[in-house]
Amino acid sequence: MSQEPHSHHEGPIKTPKQLAVAVLLAFVVPILIIVLLVNYVSSASKASPGSSALGPEATAQRIMPVAAVQIKVAAANAGAATGEEVFKGQCAACHAAGTLGAPKFGDAAAWGPRIGQGLEALAHAAIKGKNAMPPQGGGDFNDDEITRAVAYMANAGGAKFTPPAPKAAASGADAASGGASAP
């Protein structure tokens, strides 16, 4: 039998000091990585002192619906709306602040040139729409109610328009005067 030379396998660790460092790092590095990962994952859920992020109000705010449905109840035989009621319900949205060039309520300088056109022309513009104002200001009132609102706003700006009387009141007044004159 012939003798074969021994082959030596050499690794990267050549001294006992290198072995001790390798063993130490084999335990410390994974533990350090695990601690850092746990700290990273749990850092997002920490609430700061005094925070109400998980309180009932904050939760209700986060799950609040995007939109809501409003149902308007039409009052049966409520009668015709006055000019002031129509103004407050529809016209004030733009005319109270002068939005999109709308003449402000009570501003005589802005209403002056418009008053010169007369109530019929102003009411026609309000009913059909003009410039940025949609027909009837986007509302759902009848033409007489819109005309009363126009008269109310113009009168606040210095006009002396007589608003149209409500149809129910006018017919009731006619019936009362007709009944008084009948023999």
N, C-alpha and C. Protein backbone atom coordinates (compact mmCIF):
# COMPACT_ATOMS: atom_id res chain seq x y z
N MET A 1 0.81 -1.14 0.00
CA MET A 1 0.00 0.00 0.00
C MET A 1 0.87 1.23 0.00
N SER A 2 0.38 2.05 -0.82
CA SER A 2 1.15 3.29 -0.90
C SER A 2 0.56 4.33 0.04
N GLN A 3 1.37 5.11 0.44
CA GLN A 3 0.90 6.14 1.37
C GLN A 3 0.50 7.38 0.58
N GLU A 4 -0.72 7.82 0.88
CA GLU A 4 -1.21 9.03 0.23
C GLU A 4 -0.97 10.20 1.15
N PRO A 5 -0.62 11.27 0.59
CA PRO A 5 -0.41 12.44 1.46
C PRO A 5 -1.73 12.91 2.07
N HIS A 6 -1.66 13.34 3.29
CA HIS A 6 -2.86 13.84 3.97
C HIS A 6 -3.21 15.20 3.38
N SER A 7 -4.49 15.36 3.08
CA SER A 7 -4.95 16.68 2.63
C SER A 7 -5.50 17.42 3.85
N HIS A 8 -5.08 18.59 4.00
CA HIS A 8 -5.54 19.40 5.13
C HIS A 8 -6.65 20.33 4.67
N HIS A 9 -7.75 20.30 5.40
CA HIS A 9 -8.85 21.23 5.15
C HIS A 9 -8.69 22.40 6.07
N GLU A 10 -8.56 23.52 5.50
CA GLU A 10 -8.40 24.71 6.33
C GLU A 10 -9.63 25.59 6.19
N GLY A 11 -10.12 26.12 7.31
CA GLY A 11 -11.26 27.03 7.31
C GLY A 11 -10.80 28.46 7.59
N PRO A 12 -11.75 29.38 7.66
CA PRO A 12 -11.39 30.77 7.90
C PRO A 12 -10.93 31.02 9.34
N ILE A 13 -11.30 30.14 10.26
CA ILE A 13 -10.94 30.33 11.66
C ILE A 13 -9.65 29.55 11.91
N LYS A 14 -8.63 30.28 12.31
CA LYS A 14 -7.34 29.63 12.49
C LYS A 14 -6.88 29.65 13.93
N THR A 15 -7.40 30.55 14.74
CA THR A 15 -6.95 30.66 16.13
C THR A 15 -8.14 30.52 17.06
N PRO A 16 -7.89 30.17 18.33
CA PRO A 16 -8.98 30.08 19.29
C PRO A 16 -9.67 31.43 19.52
N LYS A 17 -8.97 32.53 19.38
CA LYS A 17 -9.58 33.84 19.55
C LYS A 17 -10.61 34.09 18.46
N GLN A 18 -10.29 33.72 17.22
CA GLN A 18 -11.23 33.87 16.12
C GLN A 18 -12.46 32.97 16.34
N LEU A 19 -12.25 31.80 16.89
CA LEU A 19 -13.36 30.89 17.18
C LEU A 19 -14.30 31.51 18.22
N ALA A 20 -13.75 32.09 19.27
CA ALA A 20 -14.56 32.72 20.31
C ALA A 20 -15.37 33.88 19.74
N VAL A 21 -14.77 34.70 18.90
CA VAL A 21 -15.48 35.84 18.28
C VAL A 21 -16.59 35.33 17.38
N ALA A 22 -16.34 34.29 16.60
CA ALA A 22 -17.35 33.75 15.69
C ALA A 22 -18.54 33.19 16.46
N VAL A 23 -18.29 32.47 17.55
CA VAL A 23 -19.37 31.92 18.37
C VAL A 23 -20.18 33.05 19.00
N LEU A 24 -19.51 34.04 19.51
CA LEU A 24 -20.20 35.18 20.13
C LEU A 24 -21.07 35.92 19.11
N LEU A 25 -20.52 36.19 17.94
CA LEU A 25 -21.30 36.87 16.90
C LEU A 25 -22.45 36.00 16.40
N ALA A 26 -22.31 34.70 16.38
CA ALA A 26 -23.37 33.81 15.94
C ALA A 26 -24.59 33.89 16.86
N PHE A 27 -24.40 34.26 18.12
CA PHE A 27 -25.52 34.42 19.05
C PHE A 27 -26.00 35.88 19.11
N VAL A 28 -25.08 36.82 19.11
CA VAL A 28 -25.44 38.23 19.31
C VAL A 28 -26.12 38.83 18.08
N VAL A 29 -25.63 38.59 16.89
CA VAL A 29 -26.18 39.20 15.68
C VAL A 29 -27.64 38.79 15.46
N PRO A 30 -28.03 37.52 15.52
CA PRO A 30 -29.45 37.18 15.34
C PRO A 30 -30.35 37.80 16.41
N ILE A 31 -29.85 37.81 17.66
CA ILE A 31 -30.65 38.41 18.74
C ILE A 31 -30.82 39.90 18.49
N LEU A 32 -29.78 40.57 18.06
CA LEU A 32 -29.85 42.00 17.77
C LEU A 32 -30.82 42.26 16.62
N ILE A 33 -30.80 41.45 15.59
CA ILE A 33 -31.71 41.61 14.46
C ILE A 33 -33.16 41.40 14.90
N ILE A 34 -33.40 40.41 15.74
CA ILE A 34 -34.76 40.16 16.23
C ILE A 34 -35.26 41.33 17.07
N VAL A 35 -34.43 41.86 17.94
CA VAL A 35 -34.82 43.00 18.79
C VAL A 35 -35.13 44.21 17.92
N LEU A 36 -34.32 44.49 16.92
CA LEU A 36 -34.57 45.63 16.04
C LEU A 36 -35.87 45.45 15.25
N LEU A 37 -36.13 44.25 14.75
CA LEU A 37 -37.39 44.01 14.02
C LEU A 37 -38.61 44.17 14.92
N VAL A 38 -38.55 43.66 16.13
CA VAL A 38 -39.67 43.81 17.07
C VAL A 38 -39.89 45.28 17.38
N ASN A 39 -38.85 46.01 17.59
CA ASN A 39 -38.96 47.44 17.88
C ASN A 39 -39.56 48.18 16.69
N TYR A 40 -39.16 47.84 15.47
CA TYR A 40 -39.70 48.48 14.27
C TYR A 40 -41.18 48.20 14.11
N VAL A 41 -41.58 46.96 14.29
CA VAL A 41 -42.98 46.58 14.11
C VAL A 41 -43.87 47.20 15.18
N SER A 42 -43.41 47.24 16.39
CA SER A 42 -44.26 47.76 17.47
C SER A 42 -44.21 49.27 17.60
N SER A 43 -43.31 49.96 16.92
CA SER A 43 -43.21 51.41 17.07
C SER A 43 -44.39 52.14 16.44
N ALA A 44 -45.03 51.58 15.41
CA ALA A 44 -46.13 52.25 14.73
C ALA A 44 -47.40 52.28 15.59
N SER A 45 -47.57 51.36 16.50
CA SER A 45 -48.80 51.31 17.26
C SER A 45 -48.71 52.01 18.61
N LYS A 46 -47.61 52.66 18.89
CA LYS A 46 -47.48 53.36 20.17
C LYS A 46 -48.21 54.69 20.10
N ALA A 47 -49.09 54.93 21.01
CA ALA A 47 -49.81 56.20 21.08
C ALA A 47 -49.03 57.13 21.99
N SER A 48 -49.00 58.38 21.60
CA SER A 48 -48.29 59.34 22.42
C SER A 48 -49.13 59.66 23.66
N PRO A 49 -48.50 60.10 24.73
CA PRO A 49 -49.27 60.40 25.96
C PRO A 49 -50.31 61.48 25.69
N GLY A 50 -51.50 61.28 26.20
CA GLY A 50 -52.59 62.24 26.01
C GLY A 50 -53.29 62.09 24.68
N SER A 51 -52.90 61.13 23.88
CA SER A 51 -53.51 60.95 22.58
C SER A 51 -54.86 60.25 22.72
N SER A 52 -55.81 60.69 21.92
CA SER A 52 -57.12 60.05 21.93
C SER A 52 -57.39 59.36 20.60
N ALA A 53 -56.32 58.87 19.96
CA ALA A 53 -56.46 58.24 18.65
C ALA A 53 -57.34 57.00 18.69
N LEU A 54 -57.39 56.33 19.83
CA LEU A 54 -58.21 55.13 19.92
C LEU A 54 -59.50 55.38 20.71
N GLY A 55 -59.78 56.63 21.02
CA GLY A 55 -60.99 56.96 21.77
C GLY A 55 -62.24 56.80 20.93
N PRO A 56 -63.39 56.79 21.56
CA PRO A 56 -64.65 56.58 20.81
C PRO A 56 -64.94 57.70 19.81
N GLU A 57 -64.59 58.94 20.14
CA GLU A 57 -64.85 60.05 19.21
C GLU A 57 -63.99 59.91 17.96
N ALA A 58 -62.71 59.58 18.16
CA ALA A 58 -61.81 59.43 17.02
C ALA A 58 -62.23 58.24 16.15
N THR A 59 -62.66 57.18 16.78
CA THR A 59 -63.11 56.01 16.02
C THR A 59 -64.36 56.35 15.23
N ALA A 60 -65.29 57.05 15.84
CA ALA A 60 -66.52 57.45 15.15
C ALA A 60 -66.19 58.36 13.97
N GLN A 61 -65.22 59.25 14.12
CA GLN A 61 -64.82 60.14 13.04
C GLN A 61 -64.22 59.35 11.87
N ARG A 62 -63.43 58.33 12.18
CA ARG A 62 -62.80 57.55 11.12
C ARG A 62 -63.79 56.70 10.36
N ILE A 63 -64.84 56.23 11.00
CA ILE A 63 -65.79 55.34 10.32
C ILE A 63 -67.05 56.08 9.87
N MET A 64 -67.03 57.41 9.94
CA MET A 64 -68.17 58.21 9.53
C MET A 64 -68.43 58.01 8.03
N PRO A 65 -69.70 57.93 7.61
CA PRO A 65 -70.00 57.73 6.19
C PRO A 65 -69.56 58.94 5.37
N VAL A 66 -69.31 58.70 4.10
CA VAL A 66 -68.85 59.74 3.21
C VAL A 66 -69.98 60.71 2.86
N ALA A 67 -71.17 60.22 2.71
CA ALA A 67 -72.31 61.06 2.32
C ALA A 67 -73.50 60.73 3.19
N ALA A 68 -74.50 61.59 3.13
CA ALA A 68 -75.72 61.37 3.89
C ALA A 68 -76.92 61.74 3.02
N VAL A 69 -78.02 61.10 3.26
CA VAL A 69 -79.25 61.39 2.53
C VAL A 69 -80.13 62.23 3.43
N GLN A 70 -80.60 63.33 2.89
CA GLN A 70 -81.52 64.17 3.63
C GLN A 70 -82.87 64.15 2.92
N ILE A 71 -83.90 63.95 3.70
CA ILE A 71 -85.24 63.92 3.14
C ILE A 71 -85.98 65.15 3.63
N LYS A 72 -86.45 65.93 2.67
CA LYS A 72 -87.21 67.13 3.02
C LYS A 72 -88.69 66.75 3.06
N VAL A 73 -89.33 67.15 4.09
CA VAL A 73 -90.76 66.89 4.23
C VAL A 73 -91.51 68.11 3.73
N ALA A 74 -92.33 67.92 2.74
CA ALA A 74 -93.14 69.00 2.21
C ALA A 74 -94.39 69.13 3.08
N ALA A 75 -94.56 70.29 3.62
CA ALA A 75 -95.72 70.51 4.47
C ALA A 75 -96.95 70.68 3.59
N ALA A 76 -97.95 69.90 3.84
CA ALA A 76 -99.18 69.97 3.06
C ALA A 76 -99.94 71.24 3.44
N ASN A 77 -100.33 71.98 2.43
CA ASN A 77 -101.09 73.22 2.62
C ASN A 77 -100.40 74.18 3.58
N ALA A 78 -99.08 74.26 3.49
CA ALA A 78 -98.35 75.17 4.35
C ALA A 78 -98.54 76.60 3.89
N GLY A 79 -99.04 76.77 2.69
CA GLY A 79 -99.23 78.11 2.16
C GLY A 79 -98.00 78.55 1.40
N ALA A 80 -98.15 79.65 0.70
CA ALA A 80 -97.06 80.17 -0.09
C ALA A 80 -96.00 80.79 0.82
N ALA A 81 -94.76 80.63 0.42
CA ALA A 81 -93.66 81.18 1.21
C ALA A 81 -93.55 82.67 0.97
N THR A 82 -93.20 83.39 2.00
CA THR A 82 -92.98 84.84 1.87
C THR A 82 -91.63 85.08 1.22
N GLY A 83 -91.40 86.32 0.81
CA GLY A 83 -90.13 86.67 0.20
C GLY A 83 -88.96 86.44 1.15
N GLU A 84 -89.16 86.75 2.43
CA GLU A 84 -88.10 86.55 3.41
C GLU A 84 -87.80 85.06 3.59
N GLU A 85 -88.83 84.22 3.62
CA GLU A 85 -88.63 82.78 3.77
C GLU A 85 -87.87 82.20 2.58
N VAL A 86 -88.25 82.64 1.37
CA VAL A 86 -87.55 82.15 0.17
C VAL A 86 -86.10 82.64 0.19
N PHE A 87 -85.91 83.91 0.58
CA PHE A 87 -84.54 84.45 0.64
C PHE A 87 -83.68 83.64 1.60
N LYS A 88 -84.20 83.39 2.80
CA LYS A 88 -83.43 82.64 3.80
C LYS A 88 -83.21 81.19 3.36
N GLY A 89 -84.20 80.60 2.71
CA GLY A 89 -84.10 79.20 2.32
C GLY A 89 -83.27 78.96 1.07
N GLN A 90 -83.20 79.94 0.16
CA GLN A 90 -82.52 79.70 -1.10
C GLN A 90 -81.55 80.80 -1.48
N CYS A 91 -81.99 82.04 -1.46
CA CYS A 91 -81.21 83.14 -2.03
C CYS A 91 -80.02 83.55 -1.16
N ALA A 92 -80.14 83.39 0.15
CA ALA A 92 -79.10 83.85 1.07
C ALA A 92 -77.78 83.15 0.84
N ALA A 93 -77.81 81.96 0.26
CA ALA A 93 -76.56 81.22 0.02
C ALA A 93 -75.58 82.05 -0.79
N CYS A 94 -76.07 82.82 -1.75
CA CYS A 94 -75.18 83.65 -2.57
C CYS A 94 -75.33 85.14 -2.26
N HIS A 95 -76.56 85.59 -2.05
CA HIS A 95 -76.79 87.04 -1.91
C HIS A 95 -76.40 87.57 -0.53
N ALA A 96 -76.26 86.75 0.47
CA ALA A 96 -75.82 87.23 1.78
C ALA A 96 -74.35 87.63 1.75
N ALA A 97 -73.54 86.88 1.00
CA ALA A 97 -72.10 87.14 0.95
C ALA A 97 -71.66 87.77 -0.36
N GLY A 98 -72.53 87.84 -1.36
CA GLY A 98 -72.14 88.39 -2.65
C GLY A 98 -71.33 87.40 -3.47
N THR A 99 -71.62 86.13 -3.35
CA THR A 99 -70.87 85.08 -4.04
C THR A 99 -71.08 85.17 -5.55
N LEU A 100 -70.01 84.98 -6.32
CA LEU A 100 -70.03 84.95 -7.79
C LEU A 100 -70.69 86.19 -8.40
N GLY A 101 -70.49 87.35 -7.79
CA GLY A 101 -71.00 88.60 -8.34
C GLY A 101 -72.45 88.88 -8.01
N ALA A 102 -73.07 88.09 -7.16
CA ALA A 102 -74.46 88.34 -6.77
C ALA A 102 -74.52 89.61 -5.94
N PRO A 103 -75.51 90.49 -6.20
CA PRO A 103 -75.61 91.70 -5.37
C PRO A 103 -75.95 91.32 -3.92
N LYS A 104 -75.20 91.87 -3.00
CA LYS A 104 -75.40 91.54 -1.59
C LYS A 104 -76.72 92.11 -1.09
N PHE A 105 -77.31 91.39 -0.18
CA PHE A 105 -78.57 91.80 0.43
C PHE A 105 -78.37 93.13 1.16
N GLY A 106 -79.19 94.12 0.84
CA GLY A 106 -79.12 95.41 1.51
C GLY A 106 -78.10 96.37 0.93
N ASP A 107 -77.34 96.00 -0.10
CA ASP A 107 -76.33 96.86 -0.71
C ASP A 107 -77.00 97.73 -1.78
N ALA A 108 -77.32 98.97 -1.42
CA ALA A 108 -78.05 99.87 -2.33
C ALA A 108 -77.26 100.16 -3.59
N ALA A 109 -75.94 100.26 -3.50
CA ALA A 109 -75.13 100.55 -4.68
C ALA A 109 -75.19 99.41 -5.68
N ALA A 110 -75.19 98.19 -5.22
CA ALA A 110 -75.25 97.04 -6.12
C ALA A 110 -76.65 96.83 -6.67
N TRP A 111 -77.66 97.14 -5.89
CA TRP A 111 -79.03 96.93 -6.33
C TRP A 111 -79.56 98.09 -7.17
N GLY A 112 -78.99 99.29 -7.05
CA GLY A 112 -79.49 100.48 -7.75
C GLY A 112 -79.73 100.27 -9.25
N PRO A 113 -78.71 99.86 -10.01
CA PRO A 113 -78.93 99.67 -11.45
C PRO A 113 -79.95 98.56 -11.75
N ARG A 114 -80.00 97.58 -10.92
CA ARG A 114 -80.93 96.48 -11.14
C ARG A 114 -82.37 96.91 -10.85
N ILE A 115 -82.54 97.73 -9.83
CA ILE A 115 -83.89 98.21 -9.47
C ILE A 115 -84.49 98.99 -10.62
N GLY A 116 -83.64 99.73 -11.36
CA GLY A 116 -84.11 100.51 -12.50
C GLY A 116 -84.74 99.66 -13.60
N GLN A 117 -84.41 98.38 -13.66
CA GLN A 117 -84.98 97.49 -14.67
C GLN A 117 -86.44 97.13 -14.35
N GLY A 118 -86.83 97.26 -13.10
CA GLY A 118 -88.18 96.92 -12.70
C GLY A 118 -88.29 95.53 -12.13
N LEU A 119 -89.35 95.32 -11.36
CA LEU A 119 -89.54 94.04 -10.67
C LEU A 119 -89.73 92.90 -11.66
N GLU A 120 -90.48 93.15 -12.76
CA GLU A 120 -90.75 92.08 -13.71
C GLU A 120 -89.47 91.57 -14.36
N ALA A 121 -88.56 92.46 -14.74
CA ALA A 121 -87.30 92.05 -15.37
C ALA A 121 -86.41 91.31 -14.36
N LEU A 122 -86.36 91.80 -13.12
CA LEU A 122 -85.57 91.13 -12.10
C LEU A 122 -86.12 89.75 -11.79
N ALA A 123 -87.43 89.64 -11.69
CA ALA A 123 -88.05 88.35 -11.40
C ALA A 123 -87.81 87.38 -12.55
N HIS A 124 -87.90 87.87 -13.80
CA HIS A 124 -87.66 87.01 -14.96
C HIS A 124 -86.23 86.47 -14.94
N ALA A 125 -85.25 87.33 -14.62
CA ALA A 125 -83.85 86.90 -14.55
C ALA A 125 -83.67 85.87 -13.45
N ALA A 126 -84.35 86.05 -12.32
CA ALA A 126 -84.21 85.10 -11.21
C ALA A 126 -84.88 83.76 -11.55
N ILE A 127 -86.00 83.81 -12.23
CA ILE A 127 -86.74 82.58 -12.56
C ILE A 127 -86.02 81.80 -13.66
N LYS A 128 -85.50 82.48 -14.66
CA LYS A 128 -84.85 81.80 -15.79
C LYS A 128 -83.35 81.60 -15.57
N GLY A 129 -82.76 82.34 -14.65
CA GLY A 129 -81.32 82.24 -14.40
C GLY A 129 -80.57 83.31 -15.17
N LYS A 130 -79.47 83.75 -14.60
CA LYS A 130 -78.68 84.79 -15.26
C LYS A 130 -77.23 84.67 -14.79
N ASN A 131 -76.29 84.75 -15.72
CA ASN A 131 -74.86 84.64 -15.43
C ASN A 131 -74.59 83.35 -14.65
N ALA A 132 -74.03 83.45 -13.45
CA ALA A 132 -73.68 82.25 -12.68
C ALA A 132 -74.87 81.70 -11.90
N MET A 133 -75.98 82.44 -11.85
CA MET A 133 -77.14 81.99 -11.08
C MET A 133 -77.98 81.04 -11.92
N PRO A 134 -78.23 79.84 -11.40
CA PRO A 134 -79.09 78.90 -12.13
C PRO A 134 -80.55 79.34 -12.04
N PRO A 135 -81.43 78.76 -12.86
CA PRO A 135 -82.85 79.11 -12.75
C PRO A 135 -83.36 78.91 -11.33
N GLN A 136 -84.09 79.88 -10.86
CA GLN A 136 -84.66 79.91 -9.50
C GLN A 136 -83.56 79.77 -8.44
N GLY A 137 -82.36 80.13 -8.77
CA GLY A 137 -81.26 80.02 -7.82
C GLY A 137 -81.02 78.59 -7.39
N GLY A 138 -81.50 77.63 -8.20
CA GLY A 138 -81.33 76.22 -7.87
C GLY A 138 -82.39 75.69 -6.92
N GLY A 139 -83.38 76.49 -6.61
CA GLY A 139 -84.40 76.09 -5.65
C GLY A 139 -85.60 75.43 -6.30
N ASP A 140 -86.59 75.16 -5.48
CA ASP A 140 -87.80 74.52 -5.99
C ASP A 140 -89.03 75.29 -5.52
N PHE A 141 -89.00 76.59 -5.75
CA PHE A 141 -90.13 77.45 -5.39
C PHE A 141 -90.91 77.78 -6.67
N ASN A 142 -92.16 78.23 -6.51
CA ASN A 142 -92.92 78.62 -7.69
C ASN A 142 -92.54 80.05 -8.08
N ASP A 143 -93.02 80.49 -9.24
CA ASP A 143 -92.62 81.80 -9.78
C ASP A 143 -93.04 82.95 -8.87
N ASP A 144 -94.23 82.86 -8.27
CA ASP A 144 -94.68 83.94 -7.37
C ASP A 144 -93.78 84.04 -6.14
N GLU A 145 -93.36 82.91 -5.60
CA GLU A 145 -92.49 82.92 -4.42
C GLU A 145 -91.12 83.51 -4.78
N ILE A 146 -90.61 83.19 -5.96
CA ILE A 146 -89.34 83.76 -6.41
C ILE A 146 -89.50 85.27 -6.59
N THR A 147 -90.61 85.70 -7.17
CA THR A 147 -90.85 87.13 -7.37
C THR A 147 -90.94 87.84 -6.03
N ARG A 148 -91.59 87.23 -5.03
CA ARG A 148 -91.64 87.85 -3.69
C ARG A 148 -90.24 87.96 -3.09
N ALA A 149 -89.39 86.95 -3.30
CA ALA A 149 -88.02 87.00 -2.79
C ALA A 149 -87.23 88.09 -3.47
N VAL A 150 -87.42 88.26 -4.79
CA VAL A 150 -86.72 89.32 -5.53
C VAL A 150 -87.17 90.68 -5.00
N ALA A 151 -88.46 90.84 -4.78
CA ALA A 151 -88.97 92.11 -4.25
C ALA A 151 -88.41 92.36 -2.85
N TYR A 152 -88.33 91.32 -2.04
CA TYR A 152 -87.78 91.45 -0.68
C TYR A 152 -86.32 91.91 -0.73
N MET A 153 -85.52 91.29 -1.60
CA MET A 153 -84.10 91.67 -1.69
C MET A 153 -83.94 93.07 -2.27
N ALA A 154 -84.71 93.38 -3.33
CA ALA A 154 -84.60 94.70 -3.96
C ALA A 154 -85.07 95.79 -3.00
N ASN A 155 -86.14 95.53 -2.25
CA ASN A 155 -86.63 96.52 -1.29
C ASN A 155 -85.59 96.76 -0.19
N ALA A 156 -84.85 95.75 0.19
CA ALA A 156 -83.78 95.93 1.17
C ALA A 156 -82.65 96.76 0.59
N GLY A 157 -82.55 96.79 -0.75
CA GLY A 157 -81.53 97.59 -1.42
C GLY A 157 -82.02 98.96 -1.82
N GLY A 158 -83.24 99.34 -1.44
CA GLY A 158 -83.73 100.69 -1.69
C GLY A 158 -84.93 100.78 -2.61
N ALA A 159 -85.40 99.68 -3.16
CA ALA A 159 -86.56 99.73 -4.04
C ALA A 159 -87.84 99.85 -3.22
N LYS A 160 -88.92 100.11 -3.92
CA LYS A 160 -90.23 100.18 -3.27
C LYS A 160 -91.21 99.32 -4.07
N PHE A 161 -90.79 98.08 -4.36
CA PHE A 161 -91.63 97.16 -5.12
C PHE A 161 -92.71 96.57 -4.23
N THR A 162 -93.86 96.31 -4.82
CA THR A 162 -94.94 95.63 -4.12
C THR A 162 -94.88 94.16 -4.53
N PRO A 163 -94.58 93.28 -3.60
CA PRO A 163 -94.50 91.86 -3.97
C PRO A 163 -95.89 91.31 -4.30
N PRO A 164 -95.95 90.31 -5.18
CA PRO A 164 -97.26 89.73 -5.50
C PRO A 164 -97.85 89.02 -4.28
N ALA A 165 -99.14 89.14 -4.15
CA ALA A 165 -99.82 88.49 -3.02
C ALA A 165 -99.91 86.99 -3.28
N PRO A 166 -99.85 86.20 -2.22
CA PRO A 166 -100.02 84.75 -2.41
C PRO A 166 -101.37 84.44 -3.02
N LYS A 167 -101.41 83.45 -3.91
CA LYS A 167 -102.66 83.11 -4.63
C LYS A 167 -103.78 82.72 -3.67
N ALA A 168 -103.45 81.95 -2.64
CA ALA A 168 -104.48 81.52 -1.69
C ALA A 168 -105.03 82.73 -0.95
N ALA A 169 -104.19 83.66 -0.56
CA ALA A 169 -104.63 84.85 0.15
C ALA A 169 -105.40 85.76 -0.78
N ALA A 170 -104.96 85.86 -2.04
CA ALA A 170 -105.64 86.72 -2.99
C ALA A 170 -107.03 86.18 -3.29
N SER A 171 -107.15 84.86 -3.51
CA SER A 171 -108.47 84.29 -3.79
C SER A 171 -109.35 84.36 -2.55
N GLY A 172 -108.76 84.21 -1.36
CA GLY A 172 -109.53 84.34 -0.13
C GLY A 172 -110.01 85.77 0.08
N ALA A 173 -109.17 86.74 -0.29
CA ALA A 173 -109.56 88.16 -0.17
C ALA A 173 -110.67 88.47 -1.16
N ASP A 174 -110.56 87.92 -2.39
CA ASP A 174 -111.61 88.14 -3.38
C ASP A 174 -112.93 87.54 -2.90
N ALA A 175 -112.87 86.36 -2.32
CA ALA A 175 -114.09 85.71 -1.82
C ALA A 175 -114.69 86.51 -0.68
N ALA A 176 -113.83 87.05 0.18
CA ALA A 176 -114.33 87.84 1.31
C ALA A 176 -114.96 89.13 0.81
N SER A 177 -114.31 89.79 -0.16
CA SER A 177 -114.90 91.05 -0.66
C SER A 177 -116.13 90.76 -1.49
N GLY A 178 -116.15 89.64 -2.21
CA GLY A 178 -117.32 89.28 -3.00
C GLY A 178 -118.48 88.94 -2.10
N GLY A 179 -118.18 88.29 -0.98
CA GLY A 179 -119.24 87.91 -0.06
C GLY A 179 -119.81 89.13 0.65
N ALA A 180 -118.99 90.17 0.88
CA ALA A 180 -119.44 91.37 1.57
C ALA A 180 -120.30 92.22 0.65
N SER A 181 -120.01 92.20 -0.68
CA SER A 181 -120.78 93.04 -1.58
C SER A 181 -122.03 92.36 -2.09
N ALA A 182 -122.18 91.08 -1.85
CA ALA A 182 -123.37 90.38 -2.33
C ALA A 182 -124.57 90.73 -1.45
N PRO A 183 -125.76 90.93 -2.08
CA PRO A 183 -126.94 91.31 -1.30
C PRO A 183 -127.50 90.22 -0.46
